[in-house]
Amino acid sequence: MNDTSDSAPAVEIQVAPVGLFQTNAWFLRRVDRDEVIIVDPGSDAEQLIDTIDSSGWKPVAILNTHGHIDHVGAVEPLRRRYGIPFYLHPADGYLLDSLAASAHRWGIPVPEQPQIDRPLVGDEVLELAGLVIEALATPGHTPGGVSFVVAGHV
């Protein structure tokens, strides 16, 4: 999906369904740059790493819409491999603390528990990889739910 409006840079958005739940992990980048933002890397870190490395991308951050296990399972391996920060609303920190219990409930391997490097407060503007990203607080599904708006896409 590309946005080619005059007011915003052309943005490429790619999706990679991962894990038992086939949760969408997202890659966001300007088409004229090799920097990429990873959103909601739920699991299958090696698959995501293969995609990133084979594309020649340089990850700059991991953004999460919320902290459920199917959205954060690959955060720590990606964070460590690329030395990039993890952004999550702190109201979902309790979900990170309960990853082992969630994994046991679903019968899946326990992921490494990531640490939040950059708390999202919601209703803020981030500038990453040459993109302006609005992080909007959208609690409901979880207390710390956040939606990201980039180049007219949510």
C-alpha atoms as a PDB file:
ATOM      1  CA  MET A   1       0.000   0.000   0.000  1.00  0.00           C
ATOM      2  CA  ASN A   2       1.486   3.370  -0.962  1.00  0.00           C
ATOM      3  CA  ASP A   3       0.423   6.928  -0.171  1.00  0.00           C
ATOM      4  CA  THR A   4       1.405   9.235  -3.001  1.00  0.00           C
ATOM      5  CA  SER A   5      -0.338  12.443  -1.913  1.00  0.00           C
ATOM      6  CA  ASP A   6       1.568  15.707  -2.316  1.00  0.00           C
ATOM      7  CA  SER A   7       1.416  16.486   1.417  1.00  0.00           C
ATOM      8  CA  ALA A   8       3.038  13.297   2.682  1.00  0.00           C
ATOM      9  CA  PRO A   9       6.010  11.177   1.680  1.00  0.00           C
ATOM     10  CA  ALA A  10       5.272   7.966  -0.182  1.00  0.00           C
ATOM     11  CA  VAL A  11       4.865   5.304   2.477  1.00  0.00           C
ATOM     12  CA  GLU A  12       5.134   1.567   2.058  1.00  0.00           C
ATOM     13  CA  ILE A  13       3.174  -0.597   4.474  1.00  0.00           C
ATOM     14  CA  GLN A  14       3.805  -4.334   4.471  1.00  0.00           C
ATOM     15  CA  VAL A  15       2.098  -6.949   6.588  1.00  0.00           C
ATOM     16  CA  ALA A  16       3.390 -10.302   7.813  1.00  0.00           C
ATOM     17  CA  PRO A  17       0.896 -12.629   9.545  1.00  0.00           C
ATOM     18  CA  VAL A  18       2.758 -14.464  12.312  1.00  0.00           C
ATOM     19  CA  GLY A  19       2.232 -17.133  14.915  1.00  0.00           C
ATOM     20  CA  LEU A  20      -0.562 -19.400  16.013  1.00  0.00           C
ATOM     21  CA  PHE A  21      -3.045 -16.529  15.896  1.00  0.00           C
ATOM     22  CA  GLN A  22      -1.789 -15.191  12.531  1.00  0.00           C
ATOM     23  CA  THR A  23      -1.538 -11.738  14.056  1.00  0.00           C
ATOM     24  CA  ASN A  24      -0.414  -9.060  11.627  1.00  0.00           C
ATOM     25  CA  ALA A  25       3.053  -7.664  12.178  1.00  0.00           C
ATOM     26  CA  TRP A  26       3.558  -4.486  10.185  1.00  0.00           C
ATOM     27  CA  PHE A  27       6.520  -2.801   8.517  1.00  0.00           C
ATOM     28  CA  LEU A  28       6.266   0.939   7.840  1.00  0.00           C
ATOM     29  CA  ARG A  29       8.785   2.919   5.818  1.00  0.00           C
ATOM     30  CA  ARG A  30       9.226   5.788   3.432  1.00  0.00           C
ATOM     31  CA  VAL A  31       9.811   4.388  -0.040  1.00  0.00           C
ATOM     32  CA  ASP A  32      12.893   6.587  -0.449  1.00  0.00           C
ATOM     33  CA  ARG A  33      14.609   5.257   2.694  1.00  0.00           C
ATOM     34  CA  ASP A  34      15.811   1.925   4.011  1.00  0.00           C
ATOM     35  CA  GLU A  35      14.808   2.667   7.618  1.00  0.00           C
ATOM     36  CA  VAL A  36      11.802   0.671   8.814  1.00  0.00           C
ATOM     37  CA  ILE A  37       9.478   0.738  11.807  1.00  0.00           C
ATOM     38  CA  ILE A  38       8.178  -2.590  13.109  1.00  0.00           C
ATOM     39  CA  VAL A  39       4.651  -2.582  14.548  1.00  0.00           C
ATOM     40  CA  ASP A  40       3.180  -5.419  16.656  1.00  0.00           C
ATOM     41  CA  PRO A  41       5.751  -8.193  16.106  1.00  0.00           C
ATOM     42  CA  GLY A  42       3.684 -10.971  17.672  1.00  0.00           C
ATOM     43  CA  SER A  43       5.945 -13.979  17.183  1.00  0.00           C
ATOM     44  CA  ASP A  44       8.103 -15.779  14.615  1.00  0.00           C
ATOM     45  CA  ALA A  45      11.094 -13.517  15.202  1.00  0.00           C
ATOM     46  CA  GLU A  46      13.252 -15.453  12.734  1.00  0.00           C
ATOM     47  CA  GLN A  47      10.659 -14.977   9.955  1.00  0.00           C
ATOM     48  CA  LEU A  48      10.548 -11.245  10.670  1.00  0.00           C
ATOM     49  CA  ILE A  49      14.360 -11.026  10.800  1.00  0.00           C
ATOM     50  CA  ASP A  50      14.583 -12.833   7.441  1.00  0.00           C
ATOM     51  CA  THR A  51      12.138 -10.346   5.922  1.00  0.00           C
ATOM     52  CA  ILE A  52      14.022  -7.355   7.331  1.00  0.00           C
ATOM     53  CA  ASP A  53      17.485  -8.582   6.380  1.00  0.00           C
ATOM     54  CA  SER A  54      16.549  -9.805   2.901  1.00  0.00           C
ATOM     55  CA  SER A  55      14.914  -6.430   2.211  1.00  0.00           C
ATOM     56  CA  GLY A  56      18.006  -4.521   3.318  1.00  0.00           C
ATOM     57  CA  TRP A  57      15.999  -2.527   5.842  1.00  0.00           C
ATOM     58  CA  LYS A  58      17.419  -0.853   8.919  1.00  0.00           C
ATOM     59  CA  PRO A  59      14.939  -1.079  11.813  1.00  0.00           C
ATOM     60  CA  VAL A  60      14.731   2.036  13.979  1.00  0.00           C
ATOM     61  CA  ALA A  61      11.939   1.189  16.459  1.00  0.00           C
ATOM     62  CA  ILE A  62       9.278  -1.265  17.542  1.00  0.00           C
ATOM     63  CA  LEU A  63       5.852   0.275  18.161  1.00  0.00           C
ATOM     64  CA  ASN A  64       3.058  -1.705  19.757  1.00  0.00           C
ATOM     65  CA  THR A  65      -0.644  -1.011  19.665  1.00  0.00           C
ATOM     66  CA  HIS A  66      -1.077  -2.992  22.877  1.00  0.00           C
ATOM     67  CA  GLY A  67       0.594  -5.597  25.060  1.00  0.00           C
ATOM     68  CA  HIS A  68      -1.222  -8.886  24.409  1.00  0.00           C
ATOM     69  CA  ILE A  69       1.039 -11.902  23.893  1.00  0.00           C
ATOM     70  CA  ASP A  70       0.112 -12.256  20.214  1.00  0.00           C
ATOM     71  CA  HIS A  71       1.443  -8.728  19.603  1.00  0.00           C
ATOM     72  CA  VAL A  72       4.655  -8.730  21.671  1.00  0.00           C
ATOM     73  CA  GLY A  73       6.106 -12.251  21.392  1.00  0.00           C
ATOM     74  CA  ALA A  74       8.948 -11.285  19.026  1.00  0.00           C
ATOM     75  CA  VAL A  75       9.713  -7.872  20.524  1.00  0.00           C
ATOM     76  CA  GLU A  76      12.703  -8.862  22.640  1.00  0.00           C
ATOM     77  CA  PRO A  77      14.591 -10.860  19.972  1.00  0.00           C
ATOM     78  CA  LEU A  78      14.107  -7.992  17.481  1.00  0.00           C
ATOM     79  CA  ARG A  79      14.972  -5.345  20.056  1.00  0.00           C
ATOM     80  CA  ARG A  80      18.182  -7.154  20.959  1.00  0.00           C
ATOM     81  CA  ARG A  81      19.243  -8.026  17.397  1.00  0.00           C
ATOM     82  CA  TYR A  82      18.832  -4.512  16.021  1.00  0.00           C
ATOM     83  CA  GLY A  83      19.488  -2.492  19.193  1.00  0.00           C
ATOM     84  CA  ILE A  84      16.243  -0.580  18.783  1.00  0.00           C
ATOM     85  CA  PRO A  85      13.769   0.843  21.311  1.00  0.00           C
ATOM     86  CA  PHE A  86      10.403  -0.681  22.179  1.00  0.00           C
ATOM     87  CA  TYR A  87       7.450   1.716  22.492  1.00  0.00           C
ATOM     88  CA  LEU A  88       4.341   0.702  24.475  1.00  0.00           C
ATOM     89  CA  HIS A  89       1.813   2.487  26.625  1.00  0.00           C
ATOM     90  CA  PRO A  90       2.736   1.776  30.271  1.00  0.00           C
ATOM     91  CA  ALA A  91      -0.894   0.946  31.137  1.00  0.00           C
ATOM     92  CA  ASP A  92      -0.247  -2.360  29.327  1.00  0.00           C
ATOM     93  CA  GLY A  93       2.847  -3.190  31.390  1.00  0.00           C
ATOM     94  CA  TYR A  94       0.831  -5.687  33.428  1.00  0.00           C
ATOM     95  CA  LEU A  95       0.295  -7.692  30.217  1.00  0.00           C
ATOM     96  CA  LEU A  96       4.066  -7.984  29.782  1.00  0.00           C
ATOM     97  CA  ASP A  97       4.303  -9.197  33.373  1.00  0.00           C
ATOM     98  CA  SER A  98       1.753 -11.942  32.631  1.00  0.00           C
ATOM     99  CA  LEU A  99       3.300 -13.302  29.403  1.00  0.00           C
ATOM    100  CA  ALA A 100       4.225 -16.650  30.974  1.00  0.00           C
ATOM    101  CA  ALA A 101       0.683 -17.220  32.258  1.00  0.00           C
ATOM    102  CA  SER A 102      -0.755 -16.249  28.859  1.00  0.00           C
ATOM    103  CA  ALA A 103       1.628 -18.595  27.049  1.00  0.00           C
ATOM    104  CA  HIS A 104       0.687 -21.499  29.325  1.00  0.00           C
ATOM    105  CA  ARG A 105      -3.008 -20.751  28.833  1.00  0.00           C
ATOM    106  CA  TRP A 106      -2.618 -20.961  25.035  1.00  0.00           C
ATOM    107  CA  GLY A 107      -0.088 -23.803  25.028  1.00  0.00           C
ATOM    108  CA  ILE A 108       2.605 -21.793  23.265  1.00  0.00           C
ATOM    109  CA  PRO A 109       6.257 -21.174  24.129  1.00  0.00           C
ATOM    110  CA  VAL A 110       6.863 -18.442  26.682  1.00  0.00           C
ATOM    111  CA  PRO A 111       8.382 -15.402  24.938  1.00  0.00           C
ATOM    112  CA  GLU A 112      11.091 -13.285  26.492  1.00  0.00           C
ATOM    113  CA  GLN A 113       9.555 -10.430  28.431  1.00  0.00           C
ATOM    114  CA  PRO A 114      10.454  -7.120  26.770  1.00  0.00           C
ATOM    115  CA  GLN A 115      11.195  -3.961  28.675  1.00  0.00           C
ATOM    116  CA  ILE A 116       9.544  -0.727  27.579  1.00  0.00           C
ATOM    117  CA  ASP A 117      12.243   1.671  26.403  1.00  0.00           C
ATOM    118  CA  ARG A 118       9.924   4.493  25.459  1.00  0.00           C
ATOM    119  CA  PRO A 119       6.540   4.786  27.157  1.00  0.00           C
ATOM    120  CA  LEU A 120       3.755   5.964  24.864  1.00  0.00           C
ATOM    121  CA  VAL A 121       1.476   8.426  26.566  1.00  0.00           C
ATOM    122  CA  GLY A 122      -1.027   8.620  23.727  1.00  0.00           C
ATOM    123  CA  ASP A 123      -2.047  11.681  21.785  1.00  0.00           C
ATOM    124  CA  GLU A 124       1.556  12.458  20.889  1.00  0.00           C
ATOM    125  CA  VAL A 125       3.551  12.840  17.697  1.00  0.00           C
ATOM    126  CA  LEU A 126       6.592  10.685  16.959  1.00  0.00           C
ATOM    127  CA  GLU A 127       9.146  11.325  14.242  1.00  0.00           C
ATOM    128  CA  LEU A 128      10.813   8.078  13.206  1.00  0.00           C
ATOM    129  CA  ALA A 129      12.439   6.907   9.971  1.00  0.00           C
ATOM    130  CA  GLY A 130      11.508  10.158   8.273  1.00  0.00           C
ATOM    131  CA  LEU A 131       7.824   9.669   9.089  1.00  0.00           C
ATOM    132  CA  VAL A 132       5.504  11.666  11.294  1.00  0.00           C
ATOM    133  CA  ILE A 133       3.409   9.231  13.330  1.00  0.00           C
ATOM    134  CA  GLU A 134       0.495  10.257  15.491  1.00  0.00           C
ATOM    135  CA  ALA A 135       0.129   7.950  18.477  1.00  0.00           C
ATOM    136  CA  LEU A 136      -3.490   8.213  19.616  1.00  0.00           C
ATOM    137  CA  ALA A 137      -4.698   6.764  22.900  1.00  0.00           C
ATOM    138  CA  THR A 138      -7.465   4.277  22.047  1.00  0.00           C
ATOM    139  CA  PRO A 139      -8.100   2.316  25.237  1.00  0.00           C
ATOM    140  CA  GLY A 140     -10.762  -0.350  25.178  1.00  0.00           C
ATOM    141  CA  HIS A 141      -9.297  -3.615  23.942  1.00  0.00           C
ATOM    142  CA  THR A 142      -6.616  -2.968  26.581  1.00  0.00           C
ATOM    143  CA  PRO A 143      -6.143  -0.021  28.941  1.00  0.00           C
ATOM    144  CA  GLY A 144      -3.040   1.101  27.053  1.00  0.00           C
ATOM    145  CA  GLY A 145      -4.336   0.650  23.525  1.00  0.00           C
ATOM    146  CA  VAL A 146      -2.774   3.021  20.993  1.00  0.00           C
ATOM    147  CA  SER A 147      -3.535   3.580  17.311  1.00  0.00           C
ATOM    148  CA  PHE A 148      -0.897   4.916  14.943  1.00  0.00           C
ATOM    149  CA  VAL A 149      -1.677   7.330  12.111  1.00  0.00           C
ATOM    150  CA  VAL A 150       0.964   7.703   9.411  1.00  0.00           C
ATOM    151  CA  ALA A 151       0.480   9.456   6.073  1.00  0.00           C
ATOM    152  CA  GLY A 152      -3.294   9.162   6.304  1.00  0.00           C
ATOM    153  CA  HIS A 153      -3.287   5.464   7.253  1.00  0.00           C
ATOM    154  CA  VAL A 154      -4.341   4.128  10.662  1.00  0.00           C
END
